[in-house]
Amino acid sequence: MGTIVVATDFSDRSDQAVERAALIAVRRDARLHIVHAVDDDQKQRLIDSEIAASQELLQEDAQRLRAAHARLTCTTDVVLGDPFEGIGKAADSVAPALVVLGAHRRRLLRDVFVGTTAQRTIRRTRRPVLMVNAAPTRDYGNVMLSTDFSDASRAAAQTLAKLNLADPHDVTLLHVYETLAEQMLFRSALTTQQMARHQFELKREADRALATFLASLAPMSPKMMASPYESSVSDSILQVAREQGADLIVAVSQGRNDLRKTLLGSVAEEVLRRADRDVLIIPPETEE
């Protein structure tokens, strides 16, 4: 069955995350575990009061979800600490297949210095983390999985299949590749025809590499798409997701051995910060 952990602060953003998590739990026949973190850096009487109020609100949410989803098993918990640490404690306790969060508040200075709750949760739990940016109405119908052909990317594709967030035929494997067309035209003084030929060769090479990578994922058979970029990989991923109407972007975080794979890669971090649709970040090592 497995467990889906979803964090709530009882905001509208969190309500969307809870609804999405419920849809995923029903699809996977998984238990839904709703968690709320109470700040423990305050007077005890305030902590006790917040815990009592939070437990009441959580029970109301659980009852509402059970009424809306007949097959849903739903539990709740109040944890103490900062949101990301409380979510981490919950993940340690129940070993979820997936952690679900609401969209972060985009507060520039706080994001720069301490990172969003989603980013910190990813670093803390080392489990797949889904940030919900859009109101859920149905299961995911257009999933875009970005790949750089690395082992971590291959593992992410396998984890996505295990998570069963969407039907396999609704998944597209996206690889963005560098063209540097303008720079090459300037430096080498290539003709327009020569540049067109060069771009054709780059596209063909990317398609071949993508097909080879896809073959290594058997029996998975997502659709394939190779797209050029000239500014940044994250820009291209977000642009293609908008153009293709993807409702979920999947990216793999990038680890460092000396920090036990707890740092987000720059591409995943930029996608997470700027996406206007749901984003699933899968760490290099996941636990099912």
Protein backbone atom coordinates (compact mmCIF):
# COMPACT_ATOMS: atom_id res chain seq x y z
CA MET A 1 0.00 0.00 0.00
CA GLY A 2 2.61 2.56 1.05
CA THR A 3 2.12 5.99 2.56
CA ILE A 4 1.83 9.52 1.16
CA VAL A 5 2.82 12.32 3.57
CA VAL A 6 1.31 15.74 2.92
CA ALA A 7 2.13 18.83 4.95
CA THR A 8 -0.43 21.52 5.66
CA ASP A 9 -0.40 24.96 7.26
CA PHE A 10 -4.17 25.20 6.64
CA SER A 11 -3.68 27.80 3.89
CA ASP A 12 -5.32 27.68 0.45
CA ARG A 13 -1.95 26.57 -0.98
CA SER A 14 -1.86 23.66 1.44
CA ASP A 15 -5.48 22.73 0.72
CA GLN A 16 -4.52 22.21 -2.93
CA ALA A 17 -1.62 20.00 -1.86
CA VAL A 18 -3.87 17.94 0.42
CA GLU A 19 -6.41 17.42 -2.39
CA ARG A 20 -3.66 16.35 -4.82
CA ALA A 21 -2.17 14.00 -2.23
CA ALA A 22 -5.60 12.45 -1.69
CA LEU A 23 -5.99 11.81 -5.43
CA ILE A 24 -2.56 10.16 -5.52
CA ALA A 25 -3.29 8.07 -2.43
CA VAL A 26 -6.53 6.76 -3.94
CA ARG A 27 -4.80 5.98 -7.24
CA ARG A 28 -2.00 4.11 -5.47
CA ASP A 29 -4.28 2.56 -2.83
CA ALA A 30 -1.95 4.22 -0.31
CA ARG A 31 -2.48 5.63 3.16
CA LEU A 32 -2.61 9.42 3.37
CA HIS A 33 -0.83 10.94 6.38
CA ILE A 34 -1.52 14.66 6.93
CA VAL A 35 1.04 16.53 9.00
CA HIS A 36 1.06 19.99 10.54
CA ALA A 37 4.12 21.50 12.21
CA VAL A 38 3.79 23.68 15.32
CA ASP A 39 6.63 26.04 16.21
CA ASP A 40 8.12 24.85 19.50
CA ASP A 41 10.15 28.05 20.02
CA GLN A 42 7.46 29.77 22.09
CA LYS A 43 5.80 29.56 25.50
CA GLN A 44 4.45 26.13 26.39
CA ARG A 45 0.88 27.37 26.86
CA LEU A 46 0.94 28.70 23.29
CA ILE A 47 2.36 25.41 22.00
CA ASP A 48 -0.38 23.45 23.80
CA SER A 49 -3.07 25.76 22.43
CA GLU A 50 -1.78 25.48 18.86
CA ILE A 51 -1.50 21.70 19.09
CA ALA A 52 -5.12 21.40 20.26
CA ALA A 53 -6.42 23.72 17.53
CA SER A 54 -4.31 21.99 14.89
CA GLN A 55 -5.52 18.52 15.86
CA GLU A 56 -9.12 19.69 15.51
CA LEU A 57 -8.48 21.17 12.06
CA LEU A 58 -6.64 18.05 10.93
CA GLN A 59 -9.53 15.84 12.00
CA GLU A 60 -11.93 18.04 10.04
CA ASP A 61 -9.74 17.71 6.95
CA ALA A 62 -9.50 13.94 7.39
CA GLN A 63 -13.26 13.54 7.75
CA ARG A 64 -13.88 15.68 4.67
CA LEU A 65 -11.42 13.65 2.60
CA ARG A 66 -12.85 10.31 3.73
CA ALA A 67 -16.32 11.52 2.74
CA ALA A 68 -15.06 12.59 -0.70
CA HIS A 69 -12.94 9.48 -1.32
CA ALA A 70 -14.62 6.31 -0.08
CA ARG A 71 -11.50 4.14 -0.40
CA LEU A 72 -9.15 6.59 1.33
CA THR A 73 -7.30 5.66 4.51
CA CYS A 74 -6.29 8.90 6.23
CA THR A 75 -4.30 9.57 9.41
CA THR A 76 -3.07 12.83 10.94
CA ASP A 77 -0.29 14.07 13.17
CA VAL A 78 0.98 17.29 14.75
CA VAL A 79 4.76 17.58 14.96
CA LEU A 80 6.93 20.14 16.69
CA GLY A 81 9.58 22.24 14.99
CA ASP A 82 10.17 24.27 11.83
CA PRO A 83 8.00 23.09 8.92
CA PHE A 84 10.79 21.37 7.02
CA GLU A 85 12.15 19.69 10.15
CA GLY A 86 8.68 18.59 11.24
CA ILE A 87 8.00 17.15 7.79
CA GLY A 88 11.38 15.41 7.97
CA LYS A 89 10.48 13.85 11.31
CA ALA A 90 7.20 12.59 9.88
CA ALA A 91 9.03 11.13 6.89
CA ASP A 92 11.50 9.40 9.19
CA SER A 93 8.61 7.93 11.18
CA VAL A 94 6.37 6.58 8.42
CA ALA A 95 8.87 6.10 5.53
CA PRO A 96 6.59 7.51 2.81
CA ALA A 97 6.89 6.81 -0.89
CA LEU A 98 6.17 10.50 -1.54
CA VAL A 99 6.10 13.82 0.34
CA VAL A 100 3.62 16.45 -0.90
CA LEU A 101 3.82 20.18 -0.19
CA GLY A 102 1.89 23.28 -1.18
CA ALA A 103 3.45 26.00 -3.32
CA HIS A 104 5.99 28.07 -1.41
CA ARG A 105 5.58 31.73 -0.63
CA ARG A 106 7.86 33.54 -3.04
CA ARG A 107 9.71 35.78 -0.59
CA LEU A 108 12.95 36.69 -2.30
CA LEU A 109 15.27 37.45 0.62
CA ARG A 110 14.13 34.50 2.71
CA ASP A 111 14.45 32.17 -0.28
CA VAL A 112 17.97 33.40 -0.97
CA PHE A 113 19.25 32.96 2.57
CA VAL A 114 17.45 29.85 3.86
CA GLY A 115 15.68 28.36 0.86
CA THR A 116 12.01 27.46 0.52
CA THR A 117 10.38 24.83 2.70
CA ALA A 118 10.23 22.58 -0.37
CA GLN A 119 13.95 22.89 -1.04
CA ARG A 120 14.84 22.30 2.60
CA THR A 121 12.47 19.34 2.79
CA ILE A 122 14.10 17.75 -0.24
CA ARG A 123 17.52 18.14 1.34
CA ARG A 124 16.27 16.80 4.68
CA THR A 125 14.21 13.77 3.62
CA ARG A 126 16.01 12.49 0.51
CA ARG A 127 12.63 11.26 -0.75
CA PRO A 128 10.59 12.28 -3.78
CA VAL A 129 8.94 15.63 -3.02
CA LEU A 130 5.97 16.96 -4.98
CA MET A 131 5.27 20.70 -4.87
CA VAL A 132 1.68 21.43 -5.86
CA ASN A 133 1.22 24.71 -7.72
CA ALA A 134 -2.15 24.13 -9.40
CA ALA A 135 -5.60 23.19 -8.16
CA PRO A 136 -6.08 19.44 -8.77
CA THR A 137 -9.10 18.33 -10.75
CA ARG A 138 -8.01 14.87 -11.94
CA ASP A 139 -5.03 12.54 -12.18
CA TYR A 140 -2.01 13.88 -14.05
CA GLY A 141 -2.55 13.61 -17.80
CA ASN A 142 0.65 15.14 -19.22
CA VAL A 143 3.87 14.45 -17.33
CA MET A 144 7.23 15.75 -18.54
CA LEU A 145 10.34 13.99 -17.20
CA SER A 146 13.59 15.84 -17.93
CA THR A 147 16.71 13.74 -18.43
CA ASP A 148 20.43 14.27 -18.92
CA PHE A 149 21.10 10.53 -19.48
CA SER A 150 22.84 10.18 -16.09
CA ASP A 151 22.43 7.22 -13.75
CA ALA A 152 20.50 9.49 -11.39
CA SER A 153 18.18 10.41 -14.25
CA ARG A 154 17.65 6.72 -15.09
CA ALA A 155 16.84 5.99 -11.45
CA ALA A 156 14.41 8.93 -11.41
CA ALA A 157 12.53 7.48 -14.39
CA GLN A 158 12.24 4.16 -12.57
CA THR A 159 11.05 5.88 -9.39
CA LEU A 160 8.44 7.82 -11.36
CA ALA A 161 7.11 4.55 -12.78
CA LYS A 162 6.89 3.06 -9.28
CA LEU A 163 5.08 6.10 -7.93
CA ASN A 164 2.31 5.54 -10.52
CA LEU A 165 1.28 9.20 -10.67
CA ALA A 166 0.09 8.92 -14.27
CA ASP A 167 -0.54 6.39 -16.98
CA PRO A 168 2.69 5.43 -18.83
CA HIS A 169 1.45 6.76 -22.18
CA ASP A 170 0.98 10.20 -20.58
CA VAL A 171 4.70 10.57 -19.78
CA THR A 172 7.15 12.37 -22.09
CA LEU A 173 10.92 12.00 -21.70
CA LEU A 174 12.47 15.41 -22.42
CA HIS A 175 16.12 16.07 -23.20
CA VAL A 176 17.30 19.62 -23.84
CA TYR A 177 20.57 20.05 -25.70
CA GLU A 178 22.84 23.02 -26.34
CA THR A 179 23.05 24.63 -29.79
CA LEU A 180 25.10 27.82 -29.37
CA ALA A 181 23.93 28.68 -32.85
CA GLU A 182 24.53 32.42 -32.73
CA GLN A 183 27.96 32.07 -31.16
CA MET A 184 29.07 29.50 -33.73
CA LEU A 185 27.74 31.62 -36.58
CA PHE A 186 29.70 34.59 -35.31
CA ARG A 187 32.92 32.70 -34.56
CA SER A 188 33.04 30.45 -37.60
CA ALA A 189 31.24 32.64 -40.13
CA LEU A 190 29.10 29.72 -41.20
CA THR A 191 26.55 30.28 -43.91
CA THR A 192 22.87 29.98 -43.12
CA GLN A 193 22.78 26.66 -44.97
CA GLN A 194 25.76 25.36 -43.04
CA MET A 195 24.21 26.42 -39.75
CA ALA A 196 20.92 24.74 -40.64
CA ARG A 197 22.85 21.56 -41.41
CA HIS A 198 24.71 21.82 -38.12
CA GLN A 199 21.47 22.25 -36.17
CA PHE A 200 19.98 19.25 -38.00
CA GLU A 201 22.96 17.12 -36.97
CA LEU A 202 22.69 18.25 -33.37
CA LYS A 203 18.99 17.35 -33.32
CA ARG A 204 19.64 13.95 -34.89
CA GLU A 205 22.41 13.22 -32.38
CA ALA A 206 20.13 14.22 -29.48
CA ASP A 207 17.31 12.03 -30.82
CA ARG A 208 19.66 9.05 -31.11
CA ALA A 209 20.98 9.53 -27.59
CA LEU A 210 17.45 9.85 -26.27
CA ALA A 211 16.37 6.65 -28.04
CA THR A 212 19.37 4.78 -26.61
CA PHE A 213 18.57 6.04 -23.13
CA LEU A 214 14.92 5.07 -23.55
CA ALA A 215 15.92 1.55 -24.53
CA SER A 216 17.75 1.22 -21.20
CA LEU A 217 14.47 1.95 -19.40
CA ALA A 218 12.62 -1.06 -20.79
CA PRO A 219 9.88 -2.08 -20.26
CA MET A 220 8.95 1.60 -19.75
CA SER A 221 7.98 3.29 -23.00
CA PRO A 222 7.32 7.02 -22.57
CA LYS A 223 7.17 9.39 -25.49
CA MET A 224 10.40 11.16 -26.44
CA MET A 225 11.19 14.80 -27.10
CA ALA A 226 14.53 16.55 -27.72
CA SER A 227 14.56 20.33 -27.60
CA PRO A 228 17.43 22.83 -28.11
CA TYR A 229 18.40 25.52 -25.64
CA GLU A 230 20.59 28.57 -25.89
CA SER A 231 20.12 30.34 -22.55
CA SER A 232 19.69 27.73 -19.82
CA VAL A 233 18.42 24.20 -19.32
CA SER A 234 15.83 25.30 -16.74
CA ASP A 235 14.44 27.99 -19.06
CA SER A 236 14.00 25.43 -21.81
CA ILE A 237 12.32 22.88 -19.53
CA LEU A 238 9.83 25.47 -18.28
CA GLN A 239 9.16 26.78 -21.79
CA VAL A 240 8.58 23.33 -23.26
CA ALA A 241 6.31 22.44 -20.33
CA ARG A 242 4.18 25.50 -21.05
CA GLU A 243 4.09 24.86 -24.80
CA GLN A 244 3.16 21.20 -24.35
CA GLY A 245 0.64 21.86 -21.60
CA ALA A 246 2.38 19.61 -19.07
CA ASP A 247 0.64 19.45 -15.71
CA LEU A 248 3.64 17.90 -13.94
CA ILE A 249 7.37 18.49 -14.42
CA VAL A 250 9.72 15.83 -13.04
CA ALA A 251 13.38 16.60 -12.38
CA VAL A 252 16.16 14.85 -10.52
CA SER A 253 18.12 16.60 -7.81
CA GLN A 254 21.89 16.56 -8.03
CA GLY A 255 23.94 15.18 -5.16
CA ARG A 256 27.42 15.62 -3.80
CA ASN A 257 29.11 12.61 -2.29
CA ASP A 258 30.79 14.67 0.42
CA LEU A 259 27.41 15.94 1.65
CA ARG A 260 25.56 12.63 1.36
CA LYS A 261 23.60 13.80 -1.69
CA THR A 262 21.68 16.51 0.15
CA LEU A 263 22.16 19.47 -2.20
CA LEU A 264 19.76 20.41 -4.94
CA GLY A 265 21.13 20.67 -8.44
CA SER A 266 20.89 24.12 -10.01
CA VAL A 267 18.48 23.01 -12.74
CA ALA A 268 16.07 21.32 -10.32
CA GLU A 269 16.26 24.30 -7.98
CA GLU A 270 15.45 26.81 -10.72
CA VAL A 271 12.56 24.71 -12.00
CA LEU A 272 11.22 24.38 -8.46
CA ARG A 273 11.49 28.13 -7.82
CA ARG A 274 9.90 29.32 -11.05
CA ALA A 275 7.41 26.70 -12.19
CA ASP A 276 3.74 27.65 -12.49
CA ARG A 277 2.68 23.99 -12.48
CA ASP A 278 3.33 21.00 -10.24
CA VAL A 279 6.94 19.88 -9.84
CA LEU A 280 8.22 16.52 -8.62
CA ILE A 281 11.85 16.43 -7.48
CA ILE A 282 13.40 12.98 -7.16
CA PRO A 283 16.69 12.62 -5.27
CA PRO A 284 19.48 10.39 -6.65
CA GLU A 285 18.76 7.81 -3.97
CA THR A 286 15.16 7.13 -2.98
CA GLU A 287 13.54 4.72 -0.57
CA GLU A 288 10.34 2.84 -1.35
